[in-house]
Amino acid sequence: MLARLAFLLAAQMAAILPVYGEPAPADAAPAAADEHRLLLDEAQRLKEQGKRQQQEADARYEQAQRECYGKFLVSACLDKAKKAHVEAVREARQLEARAAELQRDAARREHAVKDLERQQRALEKEQAAGQGRATTEERAQEDARQDAERQRRLQEGEARAAQQAAERSRLDAERTRARQEKEAKARQRAEAARRQAEEIDRRKAEKQRKQAEKAAKQGEKQAGPAAEPAPPPP
C-alpha cells in the first residue's frame, strides 16, 4: 500500500512539474526550492537588463531624431536611427521575454514543491494513523478510501494544471496583441515623422529656389542700365 502511495505521489509530481523529466523523489523539495530561488534571481537580472536596454535605446533614438533635423538628408538619417532603435528594442524584449519565462517556470516549480510537501505531510499522517488500525478488513477499507481520495486529488491537480496553462496562453495572447498594437502605433509615428521631414526638405528646397530666382532678377535689373548704349550727339 505504501509503495503504491509513493508511486501516486511521484506521478502527480511529474504531471505538475514536467520540466524535471522524471518523477521527483521525496527529498527533491529542498533542491527544487534552491533552484526556484536561482530562477527568480536570474529572471530579475534579465528583466532589469532588458528594461535598462529599452531605456537606453529610447534615449539614443530621441537624441538621434533631434540630430537628424539639423542635417540636410533628414529622411535618410531618421530611417537609419529608426532601424537601430528597432534592433535595440528587439534585443531588450528578448531579454524580458526570457525573464518572464523563467518567472513562470519558477512559479510552476514553487507550486510543485509546496504540493509535494503537503502530500508528504499527509502521507506521514496517514502512516501514523494506519499503525493503530486493528483488523485487516479495516485496513483494506481505509486503503480503498485513501486510494479514491488520492485519485480525486490527482484529477484536481491535473485540472488545475490545465486551467493554469489555458490562462497562461490567454495572457500571452493578450500581451502579444498589446505589443503588436504598440508597434503599429510606433510605425505610424515614425511614418508621420518621415513625412514631416520630407515636407521640411521640400519647403527648404522651394525657399532656396525662390531666393535664387530673386537674386537673378535683381542682378538683371542692376546690369540693365549699364548695358544701354549712349545716345548719339546732336
Protein backbone atom coordinates (compact mmCIF):
# COMPACT_ATOMS: atom_id res chain seq x y z
CA MET A 1 0.00 0.00 0.00
CA LEU A 2 2.81 2.42 0.94
CA ALA A 3 4.67 1.62 -2.26
CA ARG A 4 1.54 2.39 -4.28
CA LEU A 5 1.07 5.65 -2.38
CA ALA A 6 4.64 6.75 -3.10
CA PHE A 7 4.13 5.90 -6.77
CA LEU A 8 0.99 8.03 -6.95
CA LEU A 9 2.74 10.98 -5.30
CA ALA A 10 5.62 10.76 -7.76
CA ALA A 11 3.20 10.52 -10.68
CA GLN A 12 1.34 13.63 -9.54
CA MET A 13 4.61 15.50 -9.10
CA ALA A 14 5.65 14.61 -12.65
CA ALA A 15 2.29 15.78 -14.02
CA ILE A 16 2.54 19.17 -12.31
CA LEU A 17 6.26 19.72 -12.90
CA PRO A 18 7.19 18.08 -16.24
CA VAL A 19 10.41 20.08 -16.53
CA TYR A 20 12.19 17.64 -14.26
CA GLY A 21 11.75 14.95 -16.93
CA GLU A 22 11.44 12.16 -14.30
CA PRO A 23 9.20 11.62 -11.27
CA ALA A 24 10.68 13.65 -8.41
CA PRO A 25 11.84 11.71 -5.33
CA ALA A 26 10.52 12.61 -1.89
CA ASP A 27 13.70 14.53 -0.97
CA ALA A 28 13.54 16.73 -4.09
CA ALA A 29 11.82 19.61 -2.28
CA PRO A 30 14.99 21.33 -0.85
CA ALA A 31 16.81 21.10 -4.18
CA ALA A 32 13.76 22.39 -6.02
CA ALA A 33 13.48 25.32 -3.57
CA ASP A 34 17.11 26.27 -4.23
CA GLU A 35 16.53 26.02 -7.96
CA HIS A 36 13.41 28.18 -7.58
CA ARG A 37 15.45 30.95 -5.93
CA LEU A 38 18.11 30.77 -8.63
CA LEU A 39 15.45 31.04 -11.35
CA LEU A 40 13.90 34.10 -9.70
CA ASP A 41 17.31 35.78 -9.34
CA GLU A 42 18.15 35.14 -12.99
CA ALA A 43 14.71 36.31 -14.11
CA GLN A 44 15.07 39.55 -12.14
CA ARG A 45 18.54 40.15 -13.59
CA LEU A 46 17.30 39.64 -17.16
CA LYS A 47 14.25 41.79 -16.54
CA GLU A 48 16.32 44.68 -15.21
CA GLN A 49 18.83 44.32 -18.05
CA GLY A 50 16.04 44.34 -20.64
CA LYS A 51 14.42 47.40 -19.06
CA ARG A 52 17.76 49.20 -18.94
CA GLN A 53 18.47 48.41 -22.60
CA GLN A 54 14.98 49.60 -23.57
CA GLN A 55 15.51 52.92 -21.79
CA GLU A 56 18.94 53.38 -23.33
CA ALA A 57 17.59 52.57 -26.81
CA ASP A 58 14.74 55.09 -26.41
CA ALA A 59 17.15 57.79 -25.22
CA ARG A 60 19.52 57.15 -28.15
CA TYR A 61 16.60 57.24 -30.60
CA GLU A 62 15.29 60.56 -29.27
CA GLN A 63 18.80 62.08 -29.42
CA ALA A 64 19.30 60.76 -32.97
CA GLN A 65 15.98 62.25 -34.08
CA ARG A 66 16.95 65.66 -32.74
CA GLU A 67 20.30 65.48 -34.51
CA CYS A 68 18.68 64.35 -37.78
CA TYR A 69 16.57 67.50 -38.06
CA GLY A 70 19.77 69.52 -38.18
CA LYS A 71 21.12 67.60 -41.15
CA PHE A 72 20.43 68.07 -44.87
CA LEU A 73 19.23 64.49 -45.57
CA VAL A 74 16.70 64.33 -42.74
CA SER A 75 14.74 61.31 -44.05
CA ALA A 76 17.76 59.08 -44.53
CA CYS A 77 19.06 59.99 -41.09
CA LEU A 78 15.68 59.22 -39.46
CA ASP A 79 15.42 55.87 -41.25
CA LYS A 80 18.87 54.85 -40.03
CA ALA A 81 18.06 55.91 -36.46
CA LYS A 82 14.76 54.03 -36.59
CA LYS A 83 16.41 50.78 -37.76
CA ALA A 84 18.98 50.99 -34.97
CA HIS A 85 16.21 51.62 -32.43
CA VAL A 86 14.10 48.70 -33.65
CA GLU A 87 17.05 46.30 -33.37
CA ALA A 88 17.92 47.50 -29.87
CA VAL A 89 14.30 47.22 -28.72
CA ARG A 90 14.07 43.70 -30.16
CA GLU A 91 17.07 42.59 -28.13
CA ALA A 92 15.66 44.18 -24.97
CA ARG A 93 12.31 42.44 -25.46
CA GLN A 94 14.01 39.10 -25.94
CA LEU A 95 15.63 39.54 -22.53
CA GLU A 96 12.31 40.50 -20.95
CA ALA A 97 10.57 37.54 -22.59
CA ARG A 98 13.23 35.18 -21.25
CA ALA A 99 12.81 36.71 -17.78
CA ALA A 100 9.05 36.19 -17.94
CA GLU A 101 9.54 32.56 -18.98
CA LEU A 102 11.91 31.99 -16.07
CA GLN A 103 9.40 33.55 -13.68
CA ARG A 104 6.66 31.26 -14.96
CA ASP A 105 8.98 28.28 -14.63
CA ALA A 106 9.84 29.31 -11.06
CA ALA A 107 6.15 29.65 -10.20
CA ARG A 108 5.44 26.16 -11.53
CA ARG A 109 8.31 24.71 -9.53
CA GLU A 110 7.29 26.53 -6.36
CA HIS A 111 3.74 25.22 -6.71
CA ALA A 112 5.03 21.70 -7.25
CA VAL A 113 7.33 21.86 -4.22
CA LYS A 114 4.53 23.07 -1.95
CA ASP A 115 2.18 20.43 -3.28
CA LEU A 116 4.79 17.71 -2.71
CA GLU A 117 5.47 18.86 0.85
CA ARG A 118 1.75 18.97 1.57
CA GLN A 119 1.28 15.45 0.28
CA GLN A 120 4.31 14.21 2.21
CA ARG A 121 2.82 15.55 5.43
CA ALA A 122 -0.47 13.90 4.58
CA LEU A 123 1.34 10.64 3.86
CA GLU A 124 3.14 10.74 7.22
CA LYS A 125 -0.12 11.46 8.98
CA GLU A 126 -1.83 8.62 7.19
CA GLN A 127 1.03 6.25 8.00
CA ALA A 128 0.85 7.15 11.69
CA ALA A 129 -2.90 6.69 11.70
CA GLY A 130 -2.61 3.35 9.93
CA GLN A 131 -0.49 1.90 12.73
CA GLY A 132 -3.46 1.96 15.09
CA ARG A 133 -5.82 0.02 12.86
CA ALA A 134 -6.80 -3.33 14.41
CA THR A 135 -8.06 -5.56 11.62
CA THR A 136 -7.18 -6.43 8.04
CA GLU A 137 -10.69 -5.51 6.93
CA GLU A 138 -10.43 -2.02 8.40
CA ARG A 139 -7.05 -1.51 6.76
CA ALA A 140 -8.46 -2.65 3.40
CA GLN A 141 -11.37 -0.24 3.70
CA GLU A 142 -9.07 2.61 4.66
CA ASP A 143 -6.73 1.80 1.78
CA ALA A 144 -9.62 1.94 -0.66
CA ARG A 145 -10.77 5.27 0.72
CA GLN A 146 -7.29 6.74 0.55
CA ASP A 147 -6.80 5.48 -3.00
CA ALA A 148 -10.04 7.13 -4.03
CA GLU A 149 -9.07 10.36 -2.29
CA ARG A 150 -5.65 10.40 -3.92
CA GLN A 151 -7.22 9.76 -7.29
CA ARG A 152 -9.54 12.68 -6.74
CA ARG A 153 -6.63 14.93 -5.75
CA LEU A 154 -4.66 13.77 -8.76
CA GLN A 155 -7.54 14.64 -11.07
CA GLU A 156 -7.96 18.00 -9.39
CA GLY A 157 -4.25 18.69 -9.80
CA GLU A 158 -4.41 17.84 -13.49
CA ALA A 159 -7.48 20.05 -13.90
CA ARG A 160 -5.71 22.95 -12.16
CA ALA A 161 -2.64 22.48 -14.34
CA ALA A 162 -4.79 22.55 -17.49
CA GLN A 163 -6.61 25.65 -16.28
CA GLN A 164 -3.34 27.41 -15.48
CA ALA A 165 -1.96 26.51 -18.90
CA ALA A 166 -5.06 27.95 -20.57
CA GLU A 167 -4.76 31.13 -18.51
CA ARG A 168 -1.08 31.50 -19.42
CA SER A 169 -1.97 31.09 -23.09
CA ARG A 170 -4.65 33.76 -22.80
CA LEU A 171 -2.29 36.19 -21.07
CA ASP A 172 0.43 35.52 -23.65
CA ALA A 173 -2.06 36.22 -26.44
CA GLU A 174 -3.11 39.48 -24.79
CA ARG A 175 0.49 40.56 -24.35
CA THR A 176 1.22 39.72 -27.97
CA ARG A 177 -1.77 41.72 -29.16
CA ALA A 178 -0.81 44.69 -26.98
CA ARG A 179 2.77 44.56 -28.25
CA GLN A 180 1.60 44.45 -31.87
CA GLU A 181 -0.68 47.43 -31.30
CA LYS A 182 2.18 49.35 -29.70
CA GLU A 183 4.49 48.53 -32.59
CA ALA A 184 1.83 49.60 -35.10
CA LYS A 185 1.46 52.96 -33.35
CA ALA A 186 5.23 53.36 -33.32
CA ARG A 187 5.34 52.71 -37.07
CA GLN A 188 2.60 55.30 -37.60
CA ARG A 189 4.53 57.88 -35.58
CA ALA A 190 7.70 57.11 -37.50
CA GLU A 191 5.85 57.46 -40.81
CA ALA A 192 4.40 60.80 -39.71
CA ALA A 193 7.87 61.98 -38.72
CA ARG A 194 9.27 60.87 -42.07
CA ARG A 195 6.57 62.75 -43.97
CA GLN A 196 7.15 65.82 -41.86
CA ALA A 197 10.86 65.64 -42.60
CA GLU A 198 10.18 65.32 -46.33
CA GLU A 199 7.89 68.34 -46.17
CA ILE A 200 10.61 70.31 -44.40
CA ASP A 201 13.10 69.31 -47.10
CA ARG A 202 10.63 70.29 -49.84
CA ARG A 203 9.96 73.70 -48.29
CA LYS A 204 13.65 74.30 -47.79
CA ALA A 205 14.37 73.48 -51.43
CA GLU A 206 11.47 75.70 -52.58
CA LYS A 207 12.74 78.58 -50.46
CA GLN A 208 16.25 78.19 -51.89
CA ARG A 209 14.84 78.12 -55.43
CA LYS A 210 12.84 81.34 -54.88
CA GLN A 211 15.84 83.07 -53.32
CA ALA A 212 17.94 82.10 -56.32
CA GLU A 213 15.30 83.43 -58.74
CA LYS A 214 15.01 86.67 -56.78
CA ALA A 215 18.78 87.14 -56.78
CA ALA A 216 18.90 86.51 -60.52
CA LYS A 217 16.21 89.12 -61.20
CA GLN A 218 17.97 91.69 -59.03
CA GLY A 219 21.18 91.02 -60.93
CA GLU A 220 19.42 91.59 -64.23
CA LYS A 221 17.96 94.92 -63.02
CA GLN A 222 21.34 96.15 -61.84
CA ALA A 223 23.05 95.17 -65.09
CA GLY A 224 20.27 96.70 -67.31
CA PRO A 225 21.11 100.50 -67.18
CA ALA A 226 24.84 99.88 -67.63
CA ALA A 227 24.24 97.86 -70.78
CA GLU A 228 22.15 100.59 -72.62
CA PRO A 229 24.16 102.49 -75.36
CA ALA A 230 24.75 106.25 -75.01
CA PRO A 231 22.52 108.48 -77.25
CA PRO A 232 24.21 109.96 -80.42
CA PRO A 233 25.36 113.64 -80.31
CA PRO A 234 23.00 116.22 -81.85
